[in-house]
Amino acid sequence: MAEYQHFDGETYITFNIVYATEKEVRLAITNRGKISVLTYDLYTDENGKYFEYGCMYDRIYIEDFEVM
């Protein structure tokens, strides 16, 4: 399963891709001890495909995920 860790300024949040299509990605998100399964729309820019996360709309790029 592909995994990515994002530091939000206080703690690390872990994203695991459950499945992805061309337009959306479903993720299992571990955030401060809680696990959520959410679907996000995918966008594209010059750096690749990404989704926006959190209140600051941080761009999380799919290419940054690593297979564990």
PDB file of N, CA and C in Angstrom:
ATOM      1  N   MET A   1       0.847  -1.168   0.000  1.00  0.00           N
ATOM      2  CA  MET A   1       0.000   0.000   0.000  1.00  0.00           C
ATOM      3  C   MET A   1       0.895   1.234   0.000  1.00  0.00           C
ATOM      4  N   ALA A   2       0.558   2.230  -0.811  1.00  0.00           N
ATOM      5  CA  ALA A   2       1.339   3.457  -0.890  1.00  0.00           C
ATOM      6  C   ALA A   2       1.060   4.324   0.337  1.00  0.00           C
ATOM      7  N   GLU A   3       2.130   4.919   0.887  1.00  0.00           N
ATOM      8  CA  GLU A   3       2.017   5.687   2.132  1.00  0.00           C
ATOM      9  C   GLU A   3       2.779   6.997   2.018  1.00  0.00           C
ATOM     10  N   TYR A   4       2.280   8.009   2.717  1.00  0.00           N
ATOM     11  CA  TYR A   4       2.939   9.313   2.773  1.00  0.00           C
ATOM     12  C   TYR A   4       2.704   9.915   4.147  1.00  0.00           C
ATOM     13  N   GLN A   5       3.748  10.559   4.713  1.00  0.00           N
ATOM     14  CA  GLN A   5       3.600  11.245   5.994  1.00  0.00           C
ATOM     15  C   GLN A   5       3.749  12.739   5.768  1.00  0.00           C
ATOM     16  N   HIS A   6       2.791  13.489   6.311  1.00  0.00           N
ATOM     17  CA  HIS A   6       2.734  14.941   6.150  1.00  0.00           C
ATOM     18  C   HIS A   6       2.808  15.589   7.528  1.00  0.00           C
ATOM     19  N   PHE A   7       3.719  16.542   7.699  1.00  0.00           N
ATOM     20  CA  PHE A   7       3.830  17.271   8.967  1.00  0.00           C
ATOM     21  C   PHE A   7       2.973  18.525   8.874  1.00  0.00           C
ATOM     22  N   ASP A   8       1.993  18.663   9.760  1.00  0.00           N
ATOM     23  CA  ASP A   8       1.054  19.788   9.699  1.00  0.00           C
ATOM     24  C   ASP A   8       1.442  20.955  10.606  1.00  0.00           C
ATOM     25  N   GLY A   9       2.645  20.924  11.151  1.00  0.00           N
ATOM     26  CA  GLY A   9       3.105  21.976  12.055  1.00  0.00           C
ATOM     27  C   GLY A   9       3.110  21.533  13.504  1.00  0.00           C
ATOM     28  N   GLU A  10       2.348  20.478  13.820  1.00  0.00           N
ATOM     29  CA  GLU A  10       2.295  19.947  15.181  1.00  0.00           C
ATOM     30  C   GLU A  10       2.633  18.464  15.238  1.00  0.00           C
ATOM     31  N   THR A  11       2.145  17.701  14.285  1.00  0.00           N
ATOM     32  CA  THR A  11       2.328  16.255  14.302  1.00  0.00           C
ATOM     33  C   THR A  11       2.328  15.715  12.869  1.00  0.00           C
ATOM     34  N   TYR A  12       2.738  14.464  12.734  1.00  0.00           N
ATOM     35  CA  TYR A  12       2.716  13.818  11.427  1.00  0.00           C
ATOM     36  C   TYR A  12       1.368  13.146  11.197  1.00  0.00           C
ATOM     37  N   ILE A  13       0.853  13.304   9.992  1.00  0.00           N
ATOM     38  CA  ILE A  13      -0.383  12.667   9.547  1.00  0.00           C
ATOM     39  C   ILE A  13       0.005  11.658   8.478  1.00  0.00           C
ATOM     40  N   THR A  14      -0.499  10.430   8.600  1.00  0.00           N
ATOM     41  CA  THR A  14      -0.157   9.376   7.652  1.00  0.00           C
ATOM     42  C   THR A  14      -1.313   9.136   6.699  1.00  0.00           C
ATOM     43  N   PHE A  15      -0.998   9.149   5.406  1.00  0.00           N
ATOM     44  CA  PHE A  15      -1.970   8.873   4.352  1.00  0.00           C
ATOM     45  C   PHE A  15      -1.630   7.541   3.711  1.00  0.00           C
ATOM     46  N   ASN A  16      -2.613   6.677   3.540  1.00  0.00           N
ATOM     47  CA  ASN A  16      -2.464   5.425   2.797  1.00  0.00           C
ATOM     48  C   ASN A  16      -3.501   5.408   1.681  1.00  0.00           C
ATOM     49  N   ILE A  17      -3.067   5.168   0.454  1.00  0.00           N
ATOM     50  CA  ILE A  17      -3.999   5.120  -0.668  1.00  0.00           C
ATOM     51  C   ILE A  17      -4.739   3.795  -0.642  1.00  0.00           C
ATOM     52  N   VAL A  18      -6.063   3.866  -0.588  1.00  0.00           N
ATOM     53  CA  VAL A  18      -6.906   2.680  -0.667  1.00  0.00           C
ATOM     54  C   VAL A  18      -7.137   2.355  -2.133  1.00  0.00           C
ATOM     55  N   TYR A  19      -7.555   3.346  -2.925  1.00  0.00           N
ATOM     56  CA  TYR A  19      -7.628   3.222  -4.379  1.00  0.00           C
ATOM     57  C   TYR A  19      -7.627   4.611  -4.996  1.00  0.00           C
ATOM     58  N   ALA A  20      -7.289   4.658  -6.285  1.00  0.00           N
ATOM     59  CA  ALA A  20      -7.251   5.936  -6.985  1.00  0.00           C
ATOM     60  C   ALA A  20      -7.754   5.747  -8.403  1.00  0.00           C
ATOM     61  N   THR A  21      -8.423   6.778  -8.914  1.00  0.00           N
ATOM     62  CA  THR A  21      -8.825   6.836 -10.309  1.00  0.00           C
ATOM     63  C   THR A  21      -8.174   8.092 -10.899  1.00  0.00           C
ATOM     64  N   GLU A  22      -8.538   8.440 -12.118  1.00  0.00           N
ATOM     65  CA  GLU A  22      -7.993   9.653 -12.738  1.00  0.00           C
ATOM     66  C   GLU A  22      -8.497  10.922 -12.064  1.00  0.00           C
ATOM     67  N   LYS A  23      -9.685  10.864 -11.444  1.00  0.00           N
ATOM     68  CA  LYS A  23     -10.306  12.067 -10.904  1.00  0.00           C
ATOM     69  C   LYS A  23     -10.383  12.132  -9.389  1.00  0.00           C
ATOM     70  N   GLU A  24     -10.172  11.004  -8.687  1.00  0.00           N
ATOM     71  CA  GLU A  24     -10.274  11.026  -7.233  1.00  0.00           C
ATOM     72  C   GLU A  24      -9.382   9.959  -6.608  1.00  0.00           C
ATOM     73  N   VAL A  25      -9.137  10.148  -5.313  1.00  0.00           N
ATOM     74  CA  VAL A  25      -8.323   9.200  -4.551  1.00  0.00           C
ATOM     75  C   VAL A  25      -9.030   8.949  -3.217  1.00  0.00           C
ATOM     76  N   ARG A  26      -9.077   7.689  -2.803  1.00  0.00           N
ATOM     77  CA  ARG A  26      -9.638   7.326  -1.490  1.00  0.00           C
ATOM     78  C   ARG A  26      -8.455   6.996  -0.593  1.00  0.00           C
ATOM     79  N   LEU A  27      -8.439   7.617   0.599  1.00  0.00           N
ATOM     80  CA  LEU A  27      -7.312   7.496   1.514  1.00  0.00           C
ATOM     81  C   LEU A  27      -7.765   7.032   2.891  1.00  0.00           C
ATOM     82  N   ALA A  28      -6.922   6.234   3.533  1.00  0.00           N
ATOM     83  CA  ALA A  28      -7.050   5.953   4.961  1.00  0.00           C
ATOM     84  C   ALA A  28      -6.078   6.925   5.637  1.00  0.00           C
ATOM     85  N   ILE A  29      -6.609   7.798   6.484  1.00  0.00           N
ATOM     86  CA  ILE A  29      -5.815   8.862   7.094  1.00  0.00           C
ATOM     87  C   ILE A  29      -5.719   8.619   8.591  1.00  0.00           C
ATOM     88  N   THR A  30      -4.486   8.543   9.108  1.00  0.00           N
ATOM     89  CA  THR A  30      -4.246   8.418  10.535  1.00  0.00           C
ATOM     90  C   THR A  30      -3.792   9.784  11.041  1.00  0.00           C
ATOM     91  N   ASN A  31      -4.633  10.399  11.889  1.00  0.00           N
ATOM     92  CA  ASN A  31      -4.383  11.744  12.370  1.00  0.00           C
ATOM     93  C   ASN A  31      -4.649  11.786  13.874  1.00  0.00           C
ATOM     94  N   ARG A  32      -3.583  11.926  14.654  1.00  0.00           N
ATOM     95  CA  ARG A  32      -3.673  12.034  16.112  1.00  0.00           C
ATOM     96  C   ARG A  32      -4.429  10.856  16.733  1.00  0.00           C
ATOM     97  N   GLY A  33      -4.118   9.651  16.250  1.00  0.00           N
ATOM     98  CA  GLY A  33      -4.687   8.437  16.811  1.00  0.00           C
ATOM     99  C   GLY A  33      -6.016   8.018  16.228  1.00  0.00           C
ATOM    100  N   LYS A  34      -6.591   8.807  15.341  1.00  0.00           N
ATOM    101  CA  LYS A  34      -7.875   8.468  14.734  1.00  0.00           C
ATOM    102  C   LYS A  34      -7.657   8.111  13.268  1.00  0.00           C
ATOM    103  N   ILE A  35      -8.394   7.114  12.796  1.00  0.00           N
ATOM    104  CA  ILE A  35      -8.301   6.690  11.406  1.00  0.00           C
ATOM    105  C   ILE A  35      -9.608   7.049  10.704  1.00  0.00           C
ATOM    106  N   SER A  36      -9.476   7.725   9.562  1.00  0.00           N
ATOM    107  CA  SER A  36     -10.628   8.096   8.740  1.00  0.00           C
ATOM    108  C   SER A  36     -10.379   7.612   7.322  1.00  0.00           C
ATOM    109  N   VAL A  37     -11.446   7.237   6.627  1.00  0.00           N
ATOM    110  CA  VAL A  37     -11.350   6.886   5.210  1.00  0.00           C
ATOM    111  C   VAL A  37     -12.149   7.942   4.454  1.00  0.00           C
ATOM    112  N   LEU A  38     -11.432   8.741   3.638  1.00  0.00           N
ATOM    113  CA  LEU A  38     -12.046   9.862   2.933  1.00  0.00           C
ATOM    114  C   LEU A  38     -11.662   9.844   1.462  1.00  0.00           C
ATOM    115  N   THR A  39     -12.505  10.443   0.636  1.00  0.00           N
ATOM    116  CA  THR A  39     -12.243  10.558  -0.793  1.00  0.00           C
ATOM    117  C   THR A  39     -11.993  12.019  -1.136  1.00  0.00           C
ATOM    118  N   TYR A  40     -10.947  12.268  -1.924  1.00  0.00           N
ATOM    119  CA  TYR A  40     -10.580  13.617  -2.338  1.00  0.00           C
ATOM    120  C   TYR A  40     -10.527  13.688  -3.854  1.00  0.00           C
ATOM    121  N   ASP A  41     -10.894  14.855  -4.401  1.00  0.00           N
ATOM    122  CA  ASP A  41     -10.738  15.102  -5.825  1.00  0.00           C
ATOM    123  C   ASP A  41      -9.264  15.291  -6.135  1.00  0.00           C
ATOM    124  N   LEU A  42      -8.840  14.827  -7.314  1.00  0.00           N
ATOM    125  CA  LEU A  42      -7.464  15.021  -7.762  1.00  0.00           C
ATOM    126  C   LEU A  42      -7.399  16.203  -8.725  1.00  0.00           C
ATOM    127  N   TYR A  43      -6.343  16.986  -8.591  1.00  0.00           N
ATOM    128  CA  TYR A  43      -6.072  18.126  -9.457  1.00  0.00           C
ATOM    129  C   TYR A  43      -4.703  17.913 -10.087  1.00  0.00           C
ATOM    130  N   THR A  44      -4.409  18.655 -11.147  1.00  0.00           N
ATOM    131  CA  THR A  44      -3.121  18.527 -11.823  1.00  0.00           C
ATOM    132  C   THR A  44      -2.509  19.910 -12.014  1.00  0.00           C
ATOM    133  N   ASP A  45      -1.212  20.013 -11.750  1.00  0.00           N
ATOM    134  CA  ASP A  45      -0.456  21.211 -12.084  1.00  0.00           C
ATOM    135  C   ASP A  45       0.870  20.777 -12.700  1.00  0.00           C
ATOM    136  N   GLU A  46       1.806  21.698 -12.820  1.00  0.00           N
ATOM    137  CA  GLU A  46       3.085  21.381 -13.469  1.00  0.00           C
ATOM    138  C   GLU A  46       3.911  20.349 -12.696  1.00  0.00           C
ATOM    139  N   ASN A  47       3.604  20.122 -11.414  1.00  0.00           N
ATOM    140  CA  ASN A  47       4.339  19.153 -10.596  1.00  0.00           C
ATOM    141  C   ASN A  47       3.683  17.779 -10.532  1.00  0.00           C
ATOM    142  N   GLY A  48       2.492  17.625 -11.107  1.00  0.00           N
ATOM    143  CA  GLY A  48       1.819  16.335 -11.118  1.00  0.00           C
ATOM    144  C   GLY A  48       0.447  16.386 -10.475  1.00  0.00           C
ATOM    145  N   LYS A  49      -0.083  15.199 -10.173  1.00  0.00           N
ATOM    146  CA  LYS A  49      -1.415  15.096  -9.561  1.00  0.00           C
ATOM    147  C   LYS A  49      -1.319  15.287  -8.056  1.00  0.00           C
ATOM    148  N   TYR A  50      -2.306  15.983  -7.500  1.00  0.00           N
ATOM    149  CA  TYR A  50      -2.332  16.254  -6.063  1.00  0.00           C
ATOM    150  C   TYR A  50      -3.771  16.362  -5.580  1.00  0.00           C
ATOM    151  N   PHE A  51      -3.935  16.299  -4.253  1.00  0.00           N
ATOM    152  CA  PHE A  51      -5.205  16.622  -3.616  1.00  0.00           C
ATOM    153  C   PHE A  51      -4.914  17.659  -2.548  1.00  0.00           C
ATOM    154  N   GLU A  52      -5.947  18.391  -2.138  1.00  0.00           N
ATOM    155  CA  GLU A  52      -5.779  19.432  -1.134  1.00  0.00           C
ATOM    156  C   GLU A  52      -6.267  18.913   0.206  1.00  0.00           C
ATOM    157  N   TYR A  53      -5.456  19.130   1.262  1.00  0.00           N
ATOM    158  CA  TYR A  53      -5.769  18.601   2.585  1.00  0.00           C
ATOM    159  C   TYR A  53      -5.725  19.706   3.630  1.00  0.00           C
ATOM    160  N   GLY A  54      -6.659  19.658   4.555  1.00  0.00           N
ATOM    161  CA  GLY A  54      -6.651  20.544   5.713  1.00  0.00           C
ATOM    162  C   GLY A  54      -7.200  21.930   5.432  1.00  0.00           C
ATOM    163  N   CYS A  55      -7.231  22.738   6.482  1.00  0.00           N
ATOM    164  CA  CYS A  55      -7.799  24.079   6.369  1.00  0.00           C
ATOM    165  C   CYS A  55      -6.903  25.023   5.569  1.00  0.00           C
ATOM    166  N   MET A  56      -5.634  24.681   5.423  1.00  0.00           N
ATOM    167  CA  MET A  56      -4.723  25.494   4.624  1.00  0.00           C
ATOM    168  C   MET A  56      -4.614  24.980   3.190  1.00  0.00           C
ATOM    169  N   TYR A  57      -5.391  23.947   2.861  1.00  0.00           N
ATOM    170  CA  TYR A  57      -5.402  23.353   1.521  1.00  0.00           C
ATOM    171  C   TYR A  57      -3.990  22.988   1.053  1.00  0.00           C
ATOM    172  N   ASP A  58      -3.251  22.305   1.938  1.00  0.00           N
ATOM    173  CA  ASP A  58      -1.908  21.838   1.576  1.00  0.00           C
ATOM    174  C   ASP A  58      -2.012  20.903   0.385  1.00  0.00           C
ATOM    175  N   ARG A  59      -1.122  21.073  -0.572  1.00  0.00           N
ATOM    176  CA  ARG A  59      -1.097  20.201  -1.735  1.00  0.00           C
ATOM    177  C   ARG A  59      -0.273  18.960  -1.414  1.00  0.00           C
ATOM    178  N   ILE A  60      -0.904  17.797  -1.497  1.00  0.00           N
ATOM    179  CA  ILE A  60      -0.241  16.521  -1.267  1.00  0.00           C
ATOM    180  C   ILE A  60      -0.160  15.825  -2.620  1.00  0.00           C
ATOM    181  N   TYR A  61       1.054  15.639  -3.125  1.00  0.00           N
ATOM    182  CA  TYR A  61       1.260  15.074  -4.461  1.00  0.00           C
ATOM    183  C   TYR A  61       1.293  13.549  -4.400  1.00  0.00           C
ATOM    184  N   ILE A  62       0.589  12.929  -5.320  1.00  0.00           N
ATOM    185  CA  ILE A  62       0.519  11.478  -5.397  1.00  0.00           C
ATOM    186  C   ILE A  62       1.912  10.890  -5.667  1.00  0.00           C
ATOM    187  N   GLU A  63       2.734  11.583  -6.418  1.00  0.00           N
ATOM    188  CA  GLU A  63       4.083  11.105  -6.716  1.00  0.00           C
ATOM    189  C   GLU A  63       4.978  10.987  -5.486  1.00  0.00           C
ATOM    190  N   ASP A  64       4.620  11.679  -4.394  1.00  0.00           N
ATOM    191  CA  ASP A  64       5.411  11.650  -3.167  1.00  0.00           C
ATOM    192  C   ASP A  64       5.134  10.408  -2.300  1.00  0.00           C
ATOM    193  N   PHE A  65       4.088   9.645  -2.632  1.00  0.00           N
ATOM    194  CA  PHE A  65       3.757   8.447  -1.877  1.00  0.00           C
ATOM    195  C   PHE A  65       4.779   7.357  -2.187  1.00  0.00           C
ATOM    196  N   GLU A  66       5.112   6.544  -1.176  1.00  0.00           N
ATOM    197  CA  GLU A  66       6.049   5.436  -1.327  1.00  0.00           C
ATOM    198  C   GLU A  66       5.336   4.131  -1.044  1.00  0.00           C
ATOM    199  N   VAL A  67       5.685   3.092  -1.794  1.00  0.00           N
ATOM    200  CA  VAL A  67       5.100   1.763  -1.557  1.00  0.00           C
ATOM    201  C   VAL A  67       5.833   1.135  -0.385  1.00  0.00           C
ATOM    202  N   MET A  68       5.082   0.722   0.619  1.00  0.00           N
ATOM    203  CA  MET A  68       5.662   0.132   1.826  1.00  0.00           C
ATOM    204  C   MET A  68       5.555  -1.378   1.787  1.00  0.00           C
TER     205      MET A  68
END
